[in-house]
Amino acid sequence: MKTIIRTGLVVIPIVIPMLAGLSGCSGVRTVTASVEHAATRILHPFTPATPTAPAPAGLDDYKARVARHVVERNPEHVYAGTLPPMLPAIVVLEITVDRDGQLADVAVQRSRNPDASRIALASVRRSAPLPAPRQLAQATGRLTFSETFLFADSERYQLRSLAEPQAGE
């Protein structure tokens, strides 16, 4: 039996005359199964690693990633479409994450609507952990940034990092 191994390609030809000579033996199935098992282990020696997202290019890129992450985990609170010219509430949160994206702190930086503030805070907390900021984390191992929640009605919002222009802009 001859085995040829090339990078990315494995060929295991089975010599038919040799197997034909063994046809009377009960070991043919065992040999065939062993060859198939060996070929499977050569072709798939390990499971591929899960691809990781590239590091954010800067703070704006990171904030957009976080905004998409929050939107994906809170679809019931997302307002689709053009925001009205007069917004009933605007909430600015200050968010602090560690290098791994674990939520270290989230606080209301600016708001005049307690219900909207509660929804914004709950949305961020429900989304934890957030994407890892990697090299954007300061020497302390944390990154603090602000995100603005633009409420179109009493419960639905768009995040400033992803929002389209408002009606009338």
N, C-alpha and C. Protein backbone atom coordinates (compact mmCIF):
# COMPACT_ATOMS: atom_id res chain seq x y z
N MET A 1 0.85 -1.16 0.00
CA MET A 1 0.00 0.00 0.00
C MET A 1 0.89 1.22 0.00
N LYS A 2 0.54 2.21 -0.81
CA LYS A 2 1.36 3.39 -0.98
C LYS A 2 0.57 4.61 -0.51
N THR A 3 1.18 5.47 0.32
CA THR A 3 0.52 6.67 0.82
C THR A 3 1.27 7.89 0.35
N ILE A 4 0.54 8.83 -0.22
CA ILE A 4 1.14 10.07 -0.69
C ILE A 4 0.49 11.20 0.12
N ILE A 5 1.31 12.00 0.79
CA ILE A 5 0.78 13.11 1.58
C ILE A 5 1.32 14.41 1.01
N ARG A 6 0.42 15.29 0.67
CA ARG A 6 0.76 16.64 0.21
C ARG A 6 0.05 17.62 1.12
N THR A 7 0.58 18.82 1.24
CA THR A 7 -0.06 19.81 2.09
C THR A 7 -1.48 20.06 1.61
N GLY A 8 -2.43 19.82 2.49
CA GLY A 8 -3.84 20.05 2.17
C GLY A 8 -4.48 18.92 1.39
N LEU A 9 -3.72 17.88 1.02
CA LEU A 9 -4.29 16.81 0.21
C LEU A 9 -3.72 15.48 0.69
N VAL A 10 -4.58 14.52 0.91
CA VAL A 10 -4.14 13.18 1.31
C VAL A 10 -4.77 12.19 0.35
N VAL A 11 -3.92 11.33 -0.22
CA VAL A 11 -4.40 10.30 -1.13
C VAL A 11 -3.95 8.96 -0.59
N ILE A 12 -4.90 8.06 -0.37
CA ILE A 12 -4.57 6.73 0.13
C ILE A 12 -5.15 5.73 -0.85
N PRO A 13 -4.36 5.34 -1.85
CA PRO A 13 -4.87 4.35 -2.79
C PRO A 13 -4.87 2.96 -2.15
N ILE A 14 -5.91 2.24 -2.37
CA ILE A 14 -6.02 0.87 -1.86
C ILE A 14 -5.74 -0.06 -3.02
N VAL A 15 -4.79 -0.91 -2.80
CA VAL A 15 -4.37 -1.83 -3.84
C VAL A 15 -5.38 -2.98 -3.88
N ILE A 16 -6.15 -3.02 -4.96
CA ILE A 16 -7.23 -4.00 -5.10
C ILE A 16 -6.72 -5.43 -5.11
N PRO A 17 -5.63 -5.73 -5.82
CA PRO A 17 -5.18 -7.13 -5.81
C PRO A 17 -4.83 -7.61 -4.39
N MET A 18 -4.25 -6.72 -3.57
CA MET A 18 -3.89 -7.13 -2.23
C MET A 18 -5.15 -7.45 -1.41
N LEU A 19 -6.17 -6.61 -1.54
CA LEU A 19 -7.41 -6.85 -0.83
C LEU A 19 -8.14 -8.07 -1.40
N ALA A 20 -8.03 -8.26 -2.70
CA ALA A 20 -8.69 -9.41 -3.31
C ALA A 20 -8.10 -10.71 -2.76
N GLY A 21 -6.78 -10.69 -2.53
CA GLY A 21 -6.14 -11.88 -1.98
C GLY A 21 -6.60 -12.14 -0.55
N LEU A 22 -7.03 -11.10 0.15
CA LEU A 22 -7.48 -11.25 1.52
C LEU A 22 -8.98 -11.48 1.62
N SER A 23 -9.64 -11.58 0.49
CA SER A 23 -11.10 -11.65 0.49
C SER A 23 -11.65 -12.82 1.29
N GLY A 24 -10.86 -13.85 1.42
CA GLY A 24 -11.33 -14.99 2.19
C GLY A 24 -11.13 -14.79 3.68
N CYS A 25 -10.39 -13.77 4.05
CA CYS A 25 -10.11 -13.52 5.47
C CYS A 25 -11.18 -12.63 6.08
N SER A 26 -11.39 -12.83 7.35
CA SER A 26 -12.35 -11.98 8.05
C SER A 26 -11.74 -10.63 8.40
N GLY A 27 -10.43 -10.48 8.18
CA GLY A 27 -9.74 -9.24 8.53
C GLY A 27 -9.87 -8.14 7.50
N VAL A 28 -10.51 -8.41 6.34
CA VAL A 28 -10.63 -7.39 5.30
C VAL A 28 -11.41 -6.19 5.80
N ARG A 29 -12.51 -6.44 6.47
CA ARG A 29 -13.32 -5.32 6.98
C ARG A 29 -12.53 -4.51 8.00
N THR A 30 -11.75 -5.19 8.83
CA THR A 30 -10.96 -4.50 9.85
C THR A 30 -9.90 -3.63 9.19
N VAL A 31 -9.24 -4.15 8.15
CA VAL A 31 -8.22 -3.38 7.44
C VAL A 31 -8.87 -2.17 6.78
N THR A 32 -9.98 -2.37 6.11
CA THR A 32 -10.67 -1.27 5.44
C THR A 32 -11.11 -0.22 6.45
N ALA A 33 -11.67 -0.63 7.57
CA ALA A 33 -12.11 0.30 8.60
C ALA A 33 -10.92 1.07 9.17
N SER A 34 -9.79 0.39 9.35
CA SER A 34 -8.60 1.05 9.88
C SER A 34 -8.08 2.10 8.91
N VAL A 35 -8.09 1.78 7.63
CA VAL A 35 -7.63 2.74 6.61
C VAL A 35 -8.56 3.94 6.58
N GLU A 36 -9.88 3.70 6.64
CA GLU A 36 -10.83 4.82 6.64
C GLU A 36 -10.64 5.68 7.89
N HIS A 37 -10.43 5.04 9.05
CA HIS A 37 -10.23 5.79 10.29
C HIS A 37 -8.95 6.64 10.21
N ALA A 38 -7.88 6.05 9.68
CA ALA A 38 -6.62 6.78 9.55
C ALA A 38 -6.78 7.97 8.59
N ALA A 39 -7.49 7.76 7.49
CA ALA A 39 -7.70 8.83 6.52
C ALA A 39 -8.51 9.97 7.15
N THR A 40 -9.50 9.63 7.95
CA THR A 40 -10.31 10.65 8.63
C THR A 40 -9.45 11.45 9.59
N ARG A 41 -8.58 10.78 10.35
CA ARG A 41 -7.73 11.48 11.31
C ARG A 41 -6.70 12.34 10.62
N ILE A 42 -6.22 11.93 9.45
CA ILE A 42 -5.26 12.74 8.69
C ILE A 42 -5.95 13.95 8.09
N LEU A 43 -7.14 13.74 7.53
CA LEU A 43 -7.85 14.84 6.89
C LEU A 43 -8.41 15.83 7.90
N HIS A 44 -8.79 15.38 9.08
CA HIS A 44 -9.39 16.24 10.11
C HIS A 44 -8.69 16.02 11.44
N PRO A 45 -7.42 16.46 11.57
CA PRO A 45 -6.69 16.18 12.80
C PRO A 45 -7.21 16.96 14.01
N PHE A 46 -7.87 18.09 13.78
CA PHE A 46 -8.41 18.89 14.87
C PHE A 46 -9.55 19.73 14.33
N THR A 47 -10.36 20.22 15.22
CA THR A 47 -11.44 21.09 14.78
C THR A 47 -10.90 22.50 14.60
N PRO A 48 -11.36 23.21 13.57
CA PRO A 48 -10.83 24.54 13.33
C PRO A 48 -11.22 25.49 14.46
N ALA A 49 -10.35 26.44 14.74
CA ALA A 49 -10.60 27.43 15.78
C ALA A 49 -11.69 28.40 15.35
N THR A 50 -12.43 28.91 16.32
CA THR A 50 -13.46 29.88 16.04
C THR A 50 -12.79 31.19 15.64
N PRO A 51 -13.18 31.76 14.49
CA PRO A 51 -12.54 33.00 14.08
C PRO A 51 -12.90 34.12 15.05
N THR A 52 -11.93 34.98 15.35
CA THR A 52 -12.17 36.10 16.25
C THR A 52 -12.30 37.37 15.42
N ALA A 53 -13.07 38.29 15.95
CA ALA A 53 -13.26 39.57 15.27
C ALA A 53 -11.97 40.36 15.33
N PRO A 54 -11.65 41.09 14.27
CA PRO A 54 -10.44 41.90 14.31
C PRO A 54 -10.58 43.00 15.36
N ALA A 55 -9.45 43.49 15.84
CA ALA A 55 -9.47 44.55 16.84
C ALA A 55 -10.12 45.80 16.24
N PRO A 56 -10.86 46.57 17.07
CA PRO A 56 -11.48 47.78 16.55
C PRO A 56 -10.42 48.78 16.08
N ALA A 57 -10.74 49.48 14.99
CA ALA A 57 -9.80 50.44 14.40
C ALA A 57 -9.63 51.68 15.27
N GLY A 58 -10.64 52.04 16.02
CA GLY A 58 -10.60 53.21 16.88
C GLY A 58 -11.85 53.25 17.73
N LEU A 59 -11.99 54.33 18.48
CA LEU A 59 -13.13 54.44 19.39
C LEU A 59 -14.46 54.45 18.65
N ASP A 60 -14.55 55.17 17.53
CA ASP A 60 -15.81 55.20 16.78
C ASP A 60 -16.20 53.82 16.26
N ASP A 61 -15.22 53.07 15.78
CA ASP A 61 -15.47 51.70 15.32
C ASP A 61 -15.94 50.83 16.48
N TYR A 62 -15.30 50.97 17.63
CA TYR A 62 -15.69 50.19 18.79
C TYR A 62 -17.11 50.53 19.23
N LYS A 63 -17.43 51.82 19.28
CA LYS A 63 -18.78 52.24 19.69
C LYS A 63 -19.83 51.69 18.73
N ALA A 64 -19.53 51.65 17.43
CA ALA A 64 -20.47 51.09 16.46
C ALA A 64 -20.66 49.59 16.71
N ARG A 65 -19.60 48.87 17.05
CA ARG A 65 -19.70 47.44 17.36
C ARG A 65 -20.57 47.22 18.60
N VAL A 66 -20.34 48.03 19.62
CA VAL A 66 -21.13 47.92 20.84
C VAL A 66 -22.60 48.21 20.53
N ALA A 67 -22.86 49.25 19.74
CA ALA A 67 -24.23 49.62 19.39
C ALA A 67 -24.93 48.47 18.66
N ARG A 68 -24.25 47.86 17.68
CA ARG A 68 -24.85 46.72 16.97
C ARG A 68 -25.12 45.57 17.94
N HIS A 69 -24.21 45.35 18.87
CA HIS A 69 -24.35 44.29 19.87
C HIS A 69 -25.59 44.54 20.74
N VAL A 70 -25.76 45.76 21.20
CA VAL A 70 -26.91 46.11 22.05
C VAL A 70 -28.21 45.97 21.25
N VAL A 71 -28.21 46.43 20.01
CA VAL A 71 -29.40 46.34 19.15
C VAL A 71 -29.79 44.88 18.91
N GLU A 72 -28.82 44.02 18.65
CA GLU A 72 -29.11 42.60 18.41
C GLU A 72 -29.72 41.92 19.63
N ARG A 73 -29.36 42.36 20.80
CA ARG A 73 -29.84 41.71 22.03
C ARG A 73 -31.09 42.36 22.62
N ASN A 74 -31.55 43.44 22.00
CA ASN A 74 -32.74 44.15 22.49
C ASN A 74 -33.66 44.53 21.34
N PRO A 75 -34.03 43.60 20.47
CA PRO A 75 -34.82 43.97 19.29
C PRO A 75 -36.19 44.58 19.61
N GLU A 76 -36.74 44.23 20.76
CA GLU A 76 -38.06 44.76 21.12
C GLU A 76 -38.02 46.26 21.43
N HIS A 77 -36.83 46.81 21.67
CA HIS A 77 -36.70 48.23 21.99
C HIS A 77 -36.09 49.05 20.85
N VAL A 78 -35.85 48.42 19.72
CA VAL A 78 -35.20 49.12 18.60
C VAL A 78 -36.25 49.78 17.71
N TYR A 79 -36.03 51.05 17.39
CA TYR A 79 -36.91 51.79 16.50
C TYR A 79 -36.30 51.74 15.10
N ALA A 80 -37.03 51.20 14.15
CA ALA A 80 -36.56 51.12 12.76
C ALA A 80 -37.15 52.30 11.98
N GLY A 81 -36.36 52.87 11.12
CA GLY A 81 -36.85 53.97 10.29
C GLY A 81 -36.26 55.30 10.71
N THR A 82 -36.77 56.34 10.09
CA THR A 82 -36.30 57.68 10.36
C THR A 82 -36.87 58.19 11.68
N LEU A 83 -36.01 58.71 12.52
CA LEU A 83 -36.45 59.27 13.80
C LEU A 83 -37.28 60.52 13.57
N PRO A 84 -38.30 60.75 14.39
CA PRO A 84 -39.11 61.96 14.24
C PRO A 84 -38.28 63.20 14.61
N PRO A 85 -38.71 64.38 14.16
CA PRO A 85 -37.93 65.59 14.44
C PRO A 85 -37.90 65.95 15.93
N MET A 86 -38.94 65.63 16.67
CA MET A 86 -38.99 65.90 18.11
C MET A 86 -38.93 64.56 18.85
N LEU A 87 -37.88 64.37 19.63
CA LEU A 87 -37.71 63.13 20.37
C LEU A 87 -38.24 63.30 21.78
N PRO A 88 -39.01 62.32 22.27
CA PRO A 88 -39.55 62.43 23.62
C PRO A 88 -38.48 62.25 24.71
N ALA A 89 -37.38 61.60 24.39
CA ALA A 89 -36.32 61.39 25.39
C ALA A 89 -34.98 61.14 24.71
N ILE A 90 -33.95 61.66 25.36
CA ILE A 90 -32.57 61.38 24.96
C ILE A 90 -31.84 61.00 26.24
N VAL A 91 -31.17 59.85 26.20
CA VAL A 91 -30.45 59.36 27.37
C VAL A 91 -28.99 59.14 26.95
N VAL A 92 -28.08 59.71 27.72
CA VAL A 92 -26.65 59.50 27.48
C VAL A 92 -26.13 58.65 28.64
N LEU A 93 -25.56 57.50 28.28
CA LEU A 93 -24.99 56.60 29.29
C LEU A 93 -23.48 56.66 29.23
N GLU A 94 -22.84 56.55 30.37
CA GLU A 94 -21.40 56.39 30.45
C GLU A 94 -21.17 54.92 30.77
N ILE A 95 -20.45 54.25 29.88
CA ILE A 95 -20.25 52.79 29.97
C ILE A 95 -18.77 52.51 30.16
N THR A 96 -18.45 51.66 31.12
CA THR A 96 -17.07 51.25 31.36
C THR A 96 -16.99 49.74 31.23
N VAL A 97 -16.04 49.28 30.40
CA VAL A 97 -15.82 47.85 30.20
C VAL A 97 -14.35 47.52 30.47
N ASP A 98 -14.09 46.26 30.83
CA ASP A 98 -12.70 45.84 30.97
C ASP A 98 -12.18 45.34 29.63
N ARG A 99 -10.96 44.88 29.58
CA ARG A 99 -10.34 44.43 28.32
C ARG A 99 -11.11 43.31 27.63
N ASP A 100 -11.83 42.50 28.44
CA ASP A 100 -12.57 41.37 27.89
C ASP A 100 -14.00 41.72 27.50
N GLY A 101 -14.40 42.98 27.72
CA GLY A 101 -15.76 43.40 27.38
C GLY A 101 -16.75 43.23 28.51
N GLN A 102 -16.27 42.80 29.68
CA GLN A 102 -17.16 42.67 30.84
C GLN A 102 -17.56 44.07 31.31
N LEU A 103 -18.82 44.22 31.60
CA LEU A 103 -19.35 45.50 32.04
C LEU A 103 -18.87 45.80 33.45
N ALA A 104 -18.05 46.86 33.59
CA ALA A 104 -17.55 47.25 34.90
C ALA A 104 -18.50 48.26 35.54
N ASP A 105 -19.09 49.15 34.73
CA ASP A 105 -20.00 50.16 35.25
C ASP A 105 -20.82 50.73 34.11
N VAL A 106 -22.03 51.12 34.42
CA VAL A 106 -22.88 51.85 33.48
C VAL A 106 -23.72 52.82 34.31
N ALA A 107 -23.72 54.08 33.89
CA ALA A 107 -24.43 55.11 34.66
C ALA A 107 -25.04 56.12 33.70
N VAL A 108 -26.12 56.75 34.15
CA VAL A 108 -26.77 57.79 33.36
C VAL A 108 -25.93 59.06 33.47
N GLN A 109 -25.50 59.56 32.33
CA GLN A 109 -24.73 60.78 32.28
C GLN A 109 -25.66 61.99 32.10
N ARG A 110 -26.72 61.78 31.30
CA ARG A 110 -27.68 62.86 31.06
C ARG A 110 -29.03 62.27 30.67
N SER A 111 -30.09 62.74 31.30
CA SER A 111 -31.44 62.31 30.97
C SER A 111 -32.44 63.16 31.75
N ARG A 112 -33.62 63.33 31.18
CA ARG A 112 -34.72 63.99 31.87
C ARG A 112 -35.94 63.07 31.98
N ASN A 113 -35.74 61.81 31.58
CA ASN A 113 -36.86 60.88 31.57
C ASN A 113 -36.45 59.60 32.30
N PRO A 114 -36.93 59.39 33.52
CA PRO A 114 -36.53 58.21 34.30
C PRO A 114 -36.91 56.88 33.64
N ASP A 115 -38.06 56.83 32.96
CA ASP A 115 -38.45 55.58 32.30
C ASP A 115 -37.50 55.24 31.16
N ALA A 116 -37.14 56.24 30.36
CA ALA A 116 -36.20 56.01 29.25
C ALA A 116 -34.83 55.63 29.81
N SER A 117 -34.42 56.26 30.89
CA SER A 117 -33.13 55.92 31.52
C SER A 117 -33.12 54.46 31.96
N ARG A 118 -34.20 54.01 32.56
CA ARG A 118 -34.31 52.63 33.02
C ARG A 118 -34.21 51.66 31.84
N ILE A 119 -34.88 51.98 30.72
CA ILE A 119 -34.83 51.10 29.53
C ILE A 119 -33.42 51.06 28.96
N ALA A 120 -32.75 52.21 28.87
CA ALA A 120 -31.39 52.27 28.32
C ALA A 120 -30.42 51.47 29.20
N LEU A 121 -30.49 51.68 30.50
CA LEU A 121 -29.61 50.94 31.43
C LEU A 121 -29.84 49.43 31.33
N ALA A 122 -31.11 49.03 31.33
CA ALA A 122 -31.43 47.60 31.24
C ALA A 122 -30.95 47.00 29.92
N SER A 123 -31.05 47.76 28.85
CA SER A 123 -30.60 47.26 27.53
C SER A 123 -29.11 46.98 27.53
N VAL A 124 -28.32 47.87 28.10
CA VAL A 124 -26.87 47.66 28.14
C VAL A 124 -26.54 46.50 29.06
N ARG A 125 -27.16 46.44 30.21
CA ARG A 125 -26.88 45.34 31.15
C ARG A 125 -27.26 43.98 30.57
N ARG A 126 -28.38 43.94 29.83
CA ARG A 126 -28.81 42.69 29.18
C ARG A 126 -27.84 42.26 28.09
N SER A 127 -27.11 43.20 27.54
CA SER A 127 -26.20 42.93 26.42
C SER A 127 -24.82 42.45 26.87
N ALA A 128 -24.54 42.52 28.16
CA ALA A 128 -23.22 42.13 28.67
C ALA A 128 -22.99 40.63 28.47
N PRO A 129 -21.78 40.23 28.17
CA PRO A 129 -20.60 41.06 27.96
C PRO A 129 -20.64 41.75 26.60
N LEU A 130 -20.01 42.91 26.54
CA LEU A 130 -19.93 43.67 25.29
C LEU A 130 -18.69 43.22 24.52
N PRO A 131 -18.56 43.62 23.25
CA PRO A 131 -17.34 43.27 22.52
C PRO A 131 -16.09 43.75 23.27
N ALA A 132 -15.03 42.99 23.18
CA ALA A 132 -13.78 43.34 23.86
C ALA A 132 -13.13 44.54 23.19
N PRO A 133 -12.72 45.56 23.95
CA PRO A 133 -12.10 46.74 23.35
C PRO A 133 -10.63 46.55 23.01
N ARG A 134 -10.03 45.49 23.49
CA ARG A 134 -8.63 45.14 23.26
C ARG A 134 -7.70 46.31 23.54
N GLN A 135 -6.94 46.77 22.54
CA GLN A 135 -5.92 47.78 22.77
C GLN A 135 -6.49 49.14 23.15
N LEU A 136 -7.80 49.34 23.00
CA LEU A 136 -8.40 50.61 23.38
C LEU A 136 -8.52 50.76 24.90
N ALA A 137 -8.44 49.65 25.63
CA ALA A 137 -8.49 49.71 27.09
C ALA A 137 -7.23 50.42 27.58
N GLN A 138 -7.43 51.36 28.47
CA GLN A 138 -6.31 52.15 28.98
C GLN A 138 -5.38 51.30 29.83
N ALA A 139 -4.36 51.93 30.35
CA ALA A 139 -3.38 51.22 31.18
C ALA A 139 -4.05 50.52 32.36
N THR A 140 -5.18 51.04 32.80
CA THR A 140 -5.90 50.42 33.92
C THR A 140 -6.63 49.15 33.49
N GLY A 141 -6.69 48.90 32.19
CA GLY A 141 -7.39 47.72 31.70
C GLY A 141 -8.86 47.97 31.46
N ARG A 142 -9.27 49.24 31.45
CA ARG A 142 -10.68 49.59 31.26
C ARG A 142 -10.82 50.67 30.19
N LEU A 143 -12.00 50.69 29.61
CA LEU A 143 -12.34 51.73 28.63
C LEU A 143 -13.68 52.33 29.04
N THR A 144 -13.73 53.66 29.12
CA THR A 144 -14.97 54.36 29.43
C THR A 144 -15.36 55.20 28.23
N PHE A 145 -16.62 55.09 27.82
CA PHE A 145 -17.12 55.85 26.67
C PHE A 145 -18.59 56.16 26.90
N SER A 146 -19.13 57.05 26.10
CA SER A 146 -20.55 57.42 26.20
C SER A 146 -21.30 56.92 24.98
N GLU A 147 -22.56 56.57 25.18
CA GLU A 147 -23.47 56.21 24.08
C GLU A 147 -24.78 56.92 24.33
N THR A 148 -25.36 57.44 23.24
CA THR A 148 -26.60 58.19 23.32
C THR A 148 -27.75 57.36 22.78
N PHE A 149 -28.80 57.25 23.57
CA PHE A 149 -30.02 56.54 23.19
C PHE A 149 -31.05 57.60 22.77
N LEU A 150 -31.46 57.55 21.52
CA LEU A 150 -32.43 58.50 20.97
C LEU A 150 -33.79 57.81 20.93
N PHE A 151 -34.67 58.20 21.83
CA PHE A 151 -35.98 57.55 21.94
C PHE A 151 -36.97 58.17 20.95
N ALA A 152 -37.57 57.33 20.11
CA ALA A 152 -38.56 57.76 19.13
C ALA A 152 -39.95 57.76 19.75
N ASP A 153 -40.15 56.91 20.76
CA ASP A 153 -41.40 56.87 21.52
C ASP A 153 -41.04 56.46 22.95
N SER A 154 -42.00 56.05 23.73
CA SER A 154 -41.74 55.78 25.14
C SER A 154 -40.87 54.56 25.42
N GLU A 155 -40.71 53.65 24.43
CA GLU A 155 -39.94 52.42 24.69
C GLU A 155 -38.92 52.06 23.62
N ARG A 156 -38.96 52.72 22.48
CA ARG A 156 -38.07 52.31 21.38
C ARG A 156 -37.07 53.41 21.07
N TYR A 157 -35.85 52.99 20.76
CA TYR A 157 -34.76 53.93 20.55
C TYR A 157 -33.88 53.52 19.38
N GLN A 158 -33.02 54.44 18.98
CA GLN A 158 -31.89 54.17 18.11
C GLN A 158 -30.66 54.65 18.87
N LEU A 159 -29.54 54.02 18.60
CA LEU A 159 -28.29 54.44 19.23
C LEU A 159 -27.57 55.40 18.29
N ARG A 160 -27.08 56.49 18.85
CA ARG A 160 -26.44 57.54 18.05
C ARG A 160 -25.33 56.99 17.17
N SER A 161 -24.59 56.01 17.62
CA SER A 161 -23.48 55.46 16.83
C SER A 161 -23.95 54.80 15.54
N LEU A 162 -25.24 54.44 15.45
CA LEU A 162 -25.78 53.79 14.25
C LEU A 162 -26.91 54.57 13.59
N ALA A 163 -27.44 55.60 14.26
CA ALA A 163 -28.66 56.27 13.82
C ALA A 163 -28.49 57.01 12.50
N GLU A 164 -29.57 56.98 11.74
CA GLU A 164 -29.66 57.76 10.51
C GLU A 164 -30.08 59.18 10.90
N PRO A 165 -29.98 60.13 10.00
CA PRO A 165 -30.43 61.50 10.32
C PRO A 165 -31.93 61.51 10.67
N GLN A 166 -32.30 62.44 11.54
CA GLN A 166 -33.70 62.60 11.92
C GLN A 166 -34.49 63.25 10.79
N ALA A 167 -35.80 63.10 10.83
CA ALA A 167 -36.68 63.77 9.87
C ALA A 167 -36.47 65.27 10.01
N GLY A 168 -36.38 65.96 8.90
CA GLY A 168 -36.19 67.40 8.91
C GLY A 168 -34.73 67.81 8.98
N GLU A 169 -33.78 66.87 9.06
CA GLU A 169 -32.36 67.23 9.09
C GLU A 169 -31.81 67.28 7.69
